[in-house]
Every structure is written in C-alpha cells, then in structure tokens.
C-alpha cells in the first residue's frame, strides 16, 4: 500500500492504473479543476470504458461530496490533524 501512496504523490495518473481507472481519474481531475468545461463527450468517454450510468453518477457524486466537504472545512477554518501534516 505504501508503494501506491508514493506513486500517487509523484503523478496524478500513475501508469499502474488500468485504462478504465485512468479514464475515471482524468474525468475526476477535470470535474474538480475545471467543472464548467465538462461536456457530454466527457460522459461518453466514461461509457466507452464500460461505466454504466449508475457508475458515472457515483463518480460524479463522490467528486461532488469531496468538493463539498473540502469547502465546508476550508470555510470553517478547520485545520488538518497533525497526522495529515506529517504525511
């Protein structure tokens, strides 16, 4: 597990991921960084790697939830616990 964490620290899209996983990560990065640029083509890209509409909805909801929680924490001035600061 530590090896996976280290690889994720090095790059946003590590090469050990499957094409399907890379596509999900690419979609997640786009919806996180530039949500206003999302198009139907982005959804079609997920379908092309085998995601169902339910799975796509789950990807969107997980990304939305993390964005919501991070904004809540930032907006309330919540600081990370020491554990997270040291890793």
PDB file of N, CA and C in Angstrom:
ATOM      1  N   UNK A   1       0.821  -1.197   0.000  1.00  0.00           N
ATOM      2  CA  UNK A   1       0.000   0.000   0.000  1.00  0.00           C
ATOM      3  C   UNK A   1       0.864   1.260   0.000  1.00  0.00           C
ATOM      4  N   UNK A   2       1.966   1.255   0.750  1.00  0.00           N
ATOM      5  CA  UNK A   2       2.839   2.428   0.801  1.00  0.00           C
ATOM      6  C   UNK A   2       3.372   2.771  -0.581  1.00  0.00           C
ATOM      7  N   UNK A   3       3.663   1.740  -1.386  1.00  0.00           N
ATOM      8  CA  UNK A   3       4.166   1.954  -2.737  1.00  0.00           C
ATOM      9  C   UNK A   3       3.130   2.692  -3.587  1.00  0.00           C
ATOM     10  N   UNK A   4       1.872   2.342  -3.446  1.00  0.00           N
ATOM     11  CA  UNK A   4       0.802   3.001  -4.187  1.00  0.00           C
ATOM     12  C   UNK A   4       0.706   4.465  -3.772  1.00  0.00           C
ATOM     13  N   UNK A   5       0.767   4.715  -2.490  1.00  0.00           N
ATOM     14  CA  UNK A   5       0.699   6.089  -1.987  1.00  0.00           C
ATOM     15  C   UNK A   5       1.865   6.909  -2.529  1.00  0.00           C
ATOM     16  N   UNK A   6       3.053   6.350  -2.531  1.00  0.00           N
ATOM     17  CA  UNK A   6       4.226   7.057  -3.041  1.00  0.00           C
ATOM     18  C   UNK A   6       4.070   7.381  -4.525  1.00  0.00           C
ATOM     19  N   UNK A   7       3.550   6.427  -5.303  1.00  0.00           N
ATOM     20  CA  UNK A   7       3.354   6.665  -6.741  1.00  0.00           C
ATOM     21  C   UNK A   7       2.313   7.753  -6.969  1.00  0.00           C
ATOM     22  N   UNK A   8       1.272   7.782  -6.149  1.00  0.00           N
ATOM     23  CA  UNK A   8       0.239   8.801  -6.290  1.00  0.00           C
ATOM     24  C   UNK A   8       0.768  10.185  -5.930  1.00  0.00           C
ATOM     25  N   UNK A   9       1.765  10.243  -5.060  1.00  0.00           N
ATOM     26  CA  UNK A   9       2.388  11.524  -4.724  1.00  0.00           C
ATOM     27  C   UNK A   9       3.228  12.048  -5.883  1.00  0.00           C
ATOM     28  N   UNK A  10       3.737  11.136  -6.717  1.00  0.00           N
ATOM     29  CA  UNK A  10       4.616  11.504  -7.828  1.00  0.00           C
ATOM     30  C   UNK A  10       3.856  12.015  -9.051  1.00  0.00           C
ATOM     31  N   UNK A  11       2.678  11.490  -9.309  1.00  0.00           N
ATOM     32  CA  UNK A  11       1.940  11.832 -10.519  1.00  0.00           C
ATOM     33  C   UNK A  11       0.442  11.717 -10.280  1.00  0.00           C
ATOM     34  N   UNK A  12      -0.337  12.503 -11.004  1.00  0.00           N
ATOM     35  CA  UNK A  12      -1.788  12.447 -10.845  1.00  0.00           C
ATOM     36  C   UNK A  12      -2.376  11.171 -11.436  1.00  0.00           C
ATOM     37  N   UNK A  13      -1.747  10.671 -12.497  1.00  0.00           N
ATOM     38  CA  UNK A  13      -2.273   9.475 -13.165  1.00  0.00           C
ATOM     39  C   UNK A  13      -1.143   8.450 -13.309  1.00  0.00           C
ATOM     40  N   UNK A  14      -0.949   7.622 -12.281  1.00  0.00           N
ATOM     41  CA  UNK A  14       0.140   6.639 -12.338  1.00  0.00           C
ATOM     42  C   UNK A  14      -0.100   5.577 -13.405  1.00  0.00           C
ATOM     43  N   UNK A  15       0.993   5.060 -13.940  1.00  0.00           N
ATOM     44  CA  UNK A  15       0.891   4.101 -15.035  1.00  0.00           C
ATOM     45  C   UNK A  15       0.446   2.712 -14.609  1.00  0.00           C
ATOM     46  N   UNK A  16       0.364   2.437 -13.318  1.00  0.00           N
ATOM     47  CA  UNK A  16      -0.099   1.113 -12.899  1.00  0.00           C
ATOM     48  C   UNK A  16      -1.622   0.979 -12.949  1.00  0.00           C
ATOM     49  N   UNK A  17      -2.320   2.088 -13.203  1.00  0.00           N
ATOM     50  CA  UNK A  17      -3.774   2.026 -13.310  1.00  0.00           C
ATOM     51  C   UNK A  17      -4.189   1.425 -14.643  1.00  0.00           C
ATOM     52  N   UNK A  18      -5.335   0.775 -14.661  1.00  0.00           N
ATOM     53  CA  UNK A  18      -5.896   0.269 -15.918  1.00  0.00           C
ATOM     54  C   UNK A  18      -6.398   1.463 -16.741  1.00  0.00           C
ATOM     55  N   UNK A  19      -6.673   1.235 -18.012  1.00  0.00           N
ATOM     56  CA  UNK A  19      -7.192   2.313 -18.866  1.00  0.00           C
ATOM     57  C   UNK A  19      -8.509   2.852 -18.305  1.00  0.00           C
ATOM     58  N   UNK A  20      -9.338   1.955 -17.808  1.00  0.00           N
ATOM     59  CA  UNK A  20     -10.617   2.355 -17.216  1.00  0.00           C
ATOM     60  C   UNK A  20     -10.380   3.252 -16.006  1.00  0.00           C
ATOM     61  N   UNK A  21      -9.464   2.858 -15.131  1.00  0.00           N
ATOM     62  CA  UNK A  21      -9.161   3.654 -13.948  1.00  0.00           C
ATOM     63  C   UNK A  21      -8.552   5.009 -14.323  1.00  0.00           C
ATOM     64  N   UNK A  22      -7.672   5.015 -15.318  1.00  0.00           N
ATOM     65  CA  UNK A  22      -7.079   6.277 -15.776  1.00  0.00           C
ATOM     66  C   UNK A  22      -8.156   7.222 -16.302  1.00  0.00           C
ATOM     67  N   UNK A  23      -9.112   6.668 -17.030  1.00  0.00           N
ATOM     68  CA  UNK A  23     -10.190   7.489 -17.575  1.00  0.00           C
ATOM     69  C   UNK A  23     -11.021   8.100 -16.452  1.00  0.00           C
ATOM     70  N   UNK A  24     -11.288   7.321 -15.421  1.00  0.00           N
ATOM     71  CA  UNK A  24     -12.041   7.829 -14.268  1.00  0.00           C
ATOM     72  C   UNK A  24     -11.249   8.929 -13.563  1.00  0.00           C
ATOM     73  N   UNK A  25      -9.954   8.734 -13.390  1.00  0.00           N
ATOM     74  CA  UNK A  25      -9.112   9.743 -12.740  1.00  0.00           C
ATOM     75  C   UNK A  25      -9.064  11.016 -13.591  1.00  0.00           C
ATOM     76  N   UNK A  26      -8.898  10.869 -14.896  1.00  0.00           N
ATOM     77  CA  UNK A  26      -8.875  12.041 -15.788  1.00  0.00           C
ATOM     78  C   UNK A  26     -10.186  12.819 -15.695  1.00  0.00           C
ATOM     79  N   UNK A  27     -11.296  12.107 -15.690  1.00  0.00           N
ATOM     80  CA  UNK A  27     -12.617  12.733 -15.552  1.00  0.00           C
ATOM     81  C   UNK A  27     -12.704  13.457 -14.212  1.00  0.00           C
ATOM     82  N   UNK A  28     -12.256  12.787 -13.156  1.00  0.00           N
ATOM     83  CA  UNK A  28     -12.307  13.371 -11.811  1.00  0.00           C
ATOM     84  C   UNK A  28     -11.447  14.621 -11.707  1.00  0.00           C
ATOM     85  N   UNK A  29     -10.279  14.596 -12.316  1.00  0.00           N
ATOM     86  CA  UNK A  29      -9.417  15.778 -12.310  1.00  0.00           C
ATOM     87  C   UNK A  29     -10.083  16.936 -13.043  1.00  0.00           C
ATOM     88  N   UNK A  30     -10.705  16.646 -14.175  1.00  0.00           N
ATOM     89  CA  UNK A  30     -11.347  17.712 -14.948  1.00  0.00           C
ATOM     90  C   UNK A  30     -12.536  18.301 -14.192  1.00  0.00           C
ATOM     91  N   UNK A  31     -13.380  17.446 -13.613  1.00  0.00           N
ATOM     92  CA  UNK A  31     -14.562  17.957 -12.916  1.00  0.00           C
ATOM     93  C   UNK A  31     -14.164  18.709 -11.640  1.00  0.00           C
ATOM     94  N   UNK A  32     -12.994  18.391 -11.101  1.00  0.00           N
ATOM     95  CA  UNK A  32     -12.501  19.077  -9.914  1.00  0.00           C
ATOM     96  C   UNK A  32     -11.857  20.413 -10.273  1.00  0.00           C
ATOM     97  N   UNK A  33     -11.033  20.411 -11.302  1.00  0.00           N
ATOM     98  CA  UNK A  33     -10.256  21.606 -11.644  1.00  0.00           C
ATOM     99  C   UNK A  33     -11.000  22.586 -12.554  1.00  0.00           C
ATOM    100  N   UNK A  34     -11.790  22.064 -13.486  1.00  0.00           N
ATOM    101  CA  UNK A  34     -12.476  22.930 -14.459  1.00  0.00           C
ATOM    102  C   UNK A  34     -13.906  22.425 -14.700  1.00  0.00           C
ATOM    103  N   UNK A  35     -14.745  22.448 -13.677  1.00  0.00           N
ATOM    104  CA  UNK A  35     -16.092  21.875 -13.822  1.00  0.00           C
ATOM    105  C   UNK A  35     -16.938  22.539 -14.912  1.00  0.00           C
ATOM    106  N   UNK A  36     -16.709  23.808 -15.179  1.00  0.00           N
ATOM    107  CA  UNK A  36     -17.517  24.488 -16.192  1.00  0.00           C
ATOM    108  C   UNK A  36     -17.176  24.026 -17.610  1.00  0.00           C
ATOM    109  N   UNK A  37     -16.093  23.294 -17.759  1.00  0.00           N
ATOM    110  CA  UNK A  37     -15.687  22.805 -19.079  1.00  0.00           C
ATOM    111  C   UNK A  37     -16.135  21.367 -19.355  1.00  0.00           C
ATOM    112  N   UNK A  38     -16.916  20.793 -18.451  1.00  0.00           N
ATOM    113  CA  UNK A  38     -17.404  19.433 -18.655  1.00  0.00           C
ATOM    114  C   UNK A  38     -18.432  19.431 -19.781  1.00  0.00           C
ATOM    115  N   UNK A  39     -18.398  18.378 -20.607  1.00  0.00           N
ATOM    116  CA  UNK A  39     -19.342  18.251 -21.721  1.00  0.00           C
ATOM    117  C   UNK A  39     -19.910  16.829 -21.761  1.00  0.00           C
ATOM    118  N   UNK A  40     -20.857  16.621 -22.637  1.00  0.00           N
ATOM    119  CA  UNK A  40     -21.420  15.281 -22.836  1.00  0.00           C
ATOM    120  C   UNK A  40     -20.337  14.317 -23.311  1.00  0.00           C
ATOM    121  N   UNK A  41     -19.353  14.827 -24.029  1.00  0.00           N
ATOM    122  CA  UNK A  41     -18.258  13.973 -24.503  1.00  0.00           C
ATOM    123  C   UNK A  41     -17.487  13.360 -23.333  1.00  0.00           C
ATOM    124  N   UNK A  42     -17.376  14.095 -22.237  1.00  0.00           N
ATOM    125  CA  UNK A  42     -16.684  13.554 -21.063  1.00  0.00           C
ATOM    126  C   UNK A  42     -17.431  12.346 -20.509  1.00  0.00           C
ATOM    127  N   UNK A  43     -18.745  12.438 -20.490  1.00  0.00           N
ATOM    128  CA  UNK A  43     -19.565  11.309 -20.038  1.00  0.00           C
ATOM    129  C   UNK A  43     -19.439  10.138 -21.013  1.00  0.00           C
ATOM    130  N   UNK A  44     -19.440  10.436 -22.295  1.00  0.00           N
ATOM    131  CA  UNK A  44     -19.295   9.382 -23.304  1.00  0.00           C
ATOM    132  C   UNK A  44     -17.955   8.656 -23.170  1.00  0.00           C
ATOM    133  N   UNK A  45     -16.922   9.391 -22.803  1.00  0.00           N
ATOM    134  CA  UNK A  45     -15.612   8.766 -22.600  1.00  0.00           C
ATOM    135  C   UNK A  45     -15.691   7.725 -21.490  1.00  0.00           C
ATOM    136  N   UNK A  46     -16.441   8.025 -20.433  1.00  0.00           N
ATOM    137  CA  UNK A  46     -16.616   7.039 -19.355  1.00  0.00           C
ATOM    138  C   UNK A  46     -17.422   5.831 -19.843  1.00  0.00           C
ATOM    139  N   UNK A  47     -18.439   6.073 -20.630  1.00  0.00           N
ATOM    140  CA  UNK A  47     -19.231   4.958 -21.173  1.00  0.00           C
ATOM    141  C   UNK A  47     -18.381   4.047 -22.059  1.00  0.00           C
ATOM    142  N   UNK A  48     -17.468   4.662 -22.820  1.00  0.00           N
ATOM    143  CA  UNK A  48     -16.628   3.878 -23.733  1.00  0.00           C
ATOM    144  C   UNK A  48     -15.703   2.915 -23.002  1.00  0.00           C
ATOM    145  N   UNK A  49     -15.382   3.198 -21.739  1.00  0.00           N
ATOM    146  CA  UNK A  49     -14.537   2.270 -20.974  1.00  0.00           C
ATOM    147  C   UNK A  49     -15.380   1.360 -20.083  1.00  0.00           C
ATOM    148  N   UNK A  50     -16.702   1.366 -20.323  1.00  0.00           N
ATOM    149  CA  UNK A  50     -17.566   0.386 -19.682  1.00  0.00           C
ATOM    150  C   UNK A  50     -18.349   0.842 -18.472  1.00  0.00           C
ATOM    151  N   UNK A  51     -18.315   2.129 -18.144  1.00  0.00           N
ATOM    152  CA  UNK A  51     -19.087   2.579 -16.991  1.00  0.00           C
ATOM    153  C   UNK A  51     -20.562   2.697 -17.355  1.00  0.00           C
ATOM    154  N   UNK A  52     -21.408   2.237 -16.469  1.00  0.00           N
ATOM    155  CA  UNK A  52     -22.851   2.383 -16.633  1.00  0.00           C
ATOM    156  C   UNK A  52     -23.257   3.776 -16.178  1.00  0.00           C
ATOM    157  N   UNK A  53     -24.484   4.155 -16.456  1.00  0.00           N
ATOM    158  CA  UNK A  53     -24.967   5.453 -15.986  1.00  0.00           C
ATOM    159  C   UNK A  53     -24.915   5.531 -14.456  1.00  0.00           C
ATOM    160  N   UNK A  54     -25.214   4.429 -13.793  1.00  0.00           N
ATOM    161  CA  UNK A  54     -25.150   4.409 -12.327  1.00  0.00           C
ATOM    162  C   UNK A  54     -23.714   4.619 -11.845  1.00  0.00           C
ATOM    163  N   UNK A  55     -22.757   3.982 -12.490  1.00  0.00           N
ATOM    164  CA  UNK A  55     -21.354   4.144 -12.098  1.00  0.00           C
ATOM    165  C   UNK A  55     -20.881   5.577 -12.355  1.00  0.00           C
ATOM    166  N   UNK A  56     -21.316   6.161 -13.472  1.00  0.00           N
ATOM    167  CA  UNK A  56     -20.957   7.553 -13.773  1.00  0.00           C
ATOM    168  C   UNK A  56     -21.538   8.480 -12.717  1.00  0.00           C
ATOM    169  N   UNK A  57     -22.774   8.241 -12.340  1.00  0.00           N
ATOM    170  CA  UNK A  57     -23.400   9.038 -11.278  1.00  0.00           C
ATOM    171  C   UNK A  57     -22.603   8.921  -9.985  1.00  0.00           C
ATOM    172  N   UNK A  58     -22.136   7.726  -9.674  1.00  0.00           N
ATOM    173  CA  UNK A  58     -21.330   7.529  -8.466  1.00  0.00           C
ATOM    174  C   UNK A  58     -20.026   8.318  -8.533  1.00  0.00           C
ATOM    175  N   UNK A  59     -19.370   8.320  -9.693  1.00  0.00           N
ATOM    176  CA  UNK A  59     -18.127   9.084  -9.861  1.00  0.00           C
ATOM    177  C   UNK A  59     -18.399  10.573  -9.618  1.00  0.00           C
ATOM    178  N   UNK A  60     -19.478  11.074 -10.208  1.00  0.00           N
ATOM    179  CA  UNK A  60     -19.828  12.491 -10.049  1.00  0.00           C
ATOM    180  C   UNK A  60     -20.168  12.802  -8.596  1.00  0.00           C
ATOM    181  N   UNK A  61     -20.937  11.925  -7.948  1.00  0.00           N
ATOM    182  CA  UNK A  61     -21.336  12.180  -6.560  1.00  0.00           C
ATOM    183  C   UNK A  61     -20.140  12.139  -5.607  1.00  0.00           C
ATOM    184  N   UNK A  62     -19.219  11.217  -5.809  1.00  0.00           N
ATOM    185  CA  UNK A  62     -18.027  11.161  -4.950  1.00  0.00           C
ATOM    186  C   UNK A  62     -17.199  12.429  -5.113  1.00  0.00           C
ATOM    187  N   UNK A  63     -17.004  12.866  -6.364  1.00  0.00           N
ATOM    188  CA  UNK A  63     -16.263  14.097  -6.601  1.00  0.00           C
ATOM    189  C   UNK A  63     -16.978  15.301  -5.986  1.00  0.00           C
ATOM    190  N   UNK A  64     -18.281  15.360  -6.145  1.00  0.00           N
ATOM    191  CA  UNK A  64     -19.062  16.457  -5.572  1.00  0.00           C
ATOM    192  C   UNK A  64     -19.008  16.459  -4.050  1.00  0.00           C
ATOM    193  N   UNK A  65     -19.079  15.275  -3.452  1.00  0.00           N
ATOM    194  CA  UNK A  65     -19.029  15.172  -1.998  1.00  0.00           C
ATOM    195  C   UNK A  65     -17.685  15.681  -1.463  1.00  0.00           C
ATOM    196  N   UNK A  66     -16.596  15.260  -2.094  1.00  0.00           N
ATOM    197  CA  UNK A  66     -15.278  15.707  -1.634  1.00  0.00           C
ATOM    198  C   UNK A  66     -15.124  17.213  -1.793  1.00  0.00           C
ATOM    199  N   UNK A  67     -15.634  17.770  -2.903  1.00  0.00           N
ATOM    200  CA  UNK A  67     -15.571  19.223  -3.101  1.00  0.00           C
ATOM    201  C   UNK A  67     -16.371  19.929  -2.006  1.00  0.00           C
ATOM    202  N   UNK A  68     -17.550  19.410  -1.697  1.00  0.00           N
ATOM    203  CA  UNK A  68     -18.403  19.987  -0.665  1.00  0.00           C
ATOM    204  C   UNK A  68     -17.726  19.959   0.705  1.00  0.00           C
ATOM    205  N   UNK A  69     -17.218  18.795   1.072  1.00  0.00           N
ATOM    206  CA  UNK A  69     -16.588  18.651   2.386  1.00  0.00           C
ATOM    207  C   UNK A  69     -15.350  19.544   2.509  1.00  0.00           C
ATOM    208  N   UNK A  70     -14.550  19.602   1.448  1.00  0.00           N
ATOM    209  CA  UNK A  70     -13.366  20.462   1.490  1.00  0.00           C
ATOM    210  C   UNK A  70     -13.744  21.928   1.614  1.00  0.00           C
ATOM    211  N   UNK A  71     -14.767  22.363   0.909  1.00  0.00           N
ATOM    212  CA  UNK A  71     -15.197  23.762   1.016  1.00  0.00           C
ATOM    213  C   UNK A  71     -15.756  24.051   2.403  1.00  0.00           C
ATOM    214  N   UNK A  72     -16.492  23.118   2.963  1.00  0.00           N
ATOM    215  CA  UNK A  72     -17.014  23.296   4.328  1.00  0.00           C
ATOM    216  C   UNK A  72     -15.860  23.440   5.316  1.00  0.00           C
ATOM    217  N   UNK A  73     -14.885  22.540   5.224  1.00  0.00           N
ATOM    218  CA  UNK A  73     -13.741  22.581   6.142  1.00  0.00           C
ATOM    219  C   UNK A  73     -12.951  23.873   5.966  1.00  0.00           C
ATOM    220  N   UNK A  74     -12.691  24.247   4.714  1.00  0.00           N
ATOM    221  CA  UNK A  74     -11.952  25.483   4.458  1.00  0.00           C
ATOM    222  C   UNK A  74     -12.736  26.697   4.939  1.00  0.00           C
ATOM    223  N   UNK A  75     -14.032  26.702   4.671  1.00  0.00           N
ATOM    224  CA  UNK A  75     -14.877  27.824   5.062  1.00  0.00           C
ATOM    225  C   UNK A  75     -15.008  27.989   6.562  1.00  0.00           C
ATOM    226  N   UNK A  76     -14.872  26.906   7.282  1.00  0.00           N
ATOM    227  CA  UNK A  76     -14.961  26.958   8.744  1.00  0.00           C
ATOM    228  C   UNK A  76     -13.593  27.073   9.407  1.00  0.00           C
ATOM    229  N   UNK A  77     -12.553  27.105   8.595  1.00  0.00           N
ATOM    230  CA  UNK A  77     -11.205  27.249   9.143  1.00  0.00           C
ATOM    231  C   UNK A  77     -10.702  26.016   9.873  1.00  0.00           C
ATOM    232  N   UNK A  78     -11.218  24.858   9.501  1.00  0.00           N
ATOM    233  CA  UNK A  78     -10.790  23.615  10.148  1.00  0.00           C
ATOM    234  C   UNK A  78      -9.387  23.275   9.674  1.00  0.00           C
ATOM    235  N   UNK A  79      -8.518  22.993  10.606  1.00  0.00           N
ATOM    236  CA  UNK A  79      -7.133  22.658  10.277  1.00  0.00           C
ATOM    237  C   UNK A  79      -6.940  21.148  10.291  1.00  0.00           C
ATOM    238  N   UNK A  80      -6.004  20.689   9.467  1.00  0.00           N
ATOM    239  CA  UNK A  80      -5.690  19.268   9.425  1.00  0.00           C
ATOM    240  C   UNK A  80      -5.091  18.810  10.746  1.00  0.00           C
ATOM    241  N   UNK A  81      -5.367  17.567  11.078  1.00  0.00           N
ATOM    242  CA  UNK A  81      -4.741  16.976  12.257  1.00  0.00           C
ATOM    243  C   UNK A  81      -3.263  16.763  11.981  1.00  0.00           C
ATOM    244  N   UNK A  82      -2.454  16.683  12.998  1.00  0.00           N
ATOM    245  CA  UNK A  82      -1.013  16.525  12.853  1.00  0.00           C
ATOM    246  C   UNK A  82      -0.651  15.340  11.971  1.00  0.00           C
ATOM    247  N   UNK A  83      -1.404  14.265  12.072  1.00  0.00           N
ATOM    248  CA  UNK A  83      -1.110  13.078  11.283  1.00  0.00           C
ATOM    249  C   UNK A  83      -1.004  13.429   9.796  1.00  0.00           C
ATOM    250  N   UNK A  84      -1.965  14.202   9.276  1.00  0.00           N
ATOM    251  CA  UNK A  84      -2.020  14.526   7.852  1.00  0.00           C
ATOM    252  C   UNK A  84      -0.909  15.512   7.462  1.00  0.00           C
ATOM    253  N   UNK A  85      -0.495  16.334   8.386  1.00  0.00           N
ATOM    254  CA  UNK A  85       0.552  17.306   8.097  1.00  0.00           C
ATOM    255  C   UNK A  85       1.912  16.633   7.941  1.00  0.00           C
ATOM    256  N   UNK A  86       2.097  15.510   8.598  1.00  0.00           N
ATOM    257  CA  UNK A  86       3.389  14.803   8.580  1.00  0.00           C
ATOM    258  C   UNK A  86       3.489  13.791   7.443  1.00  0.00           C
ATOM    259  N   UNK A  87       2.448  13.590   6.687  1.00  0.00           N
ATOM    260  CA  UNK A  87       2.447  12.588   5.606  1.00  0.00           C
ATOM    261  C   UNK A  87       2.315  13.211   4.250  1.00  0.00           C
TER     262      UNK A  87
END
